[in-house]
């Protein structure tokens, strides 16, 4: 599961009950009640996921046109750790 990348999320509406956001990466809209901001590390679980699917170790399997904003290599995401 990949959260919506913070740099790709914009606020599109706000009222007294919360804020509506749009992820420019996956084009999903979501609402965060009683919040005026989106931070990937703070409230991403409330926003849903930008991508839900299988893990891959092959960069050739990634559709960078779609997943490029949220997808990270295993090295960048910390999936693989090298032990000496």
Foldseek 3Di string as FASTA:
>chain_A
DWFQAQVQKDWDDDDCQWTWIARNQQRDIATDTPDDGDDCVPCRVRGDHLDDDDDDQDPVPDPCSRCVRTDDHCVVVVVDDDDD
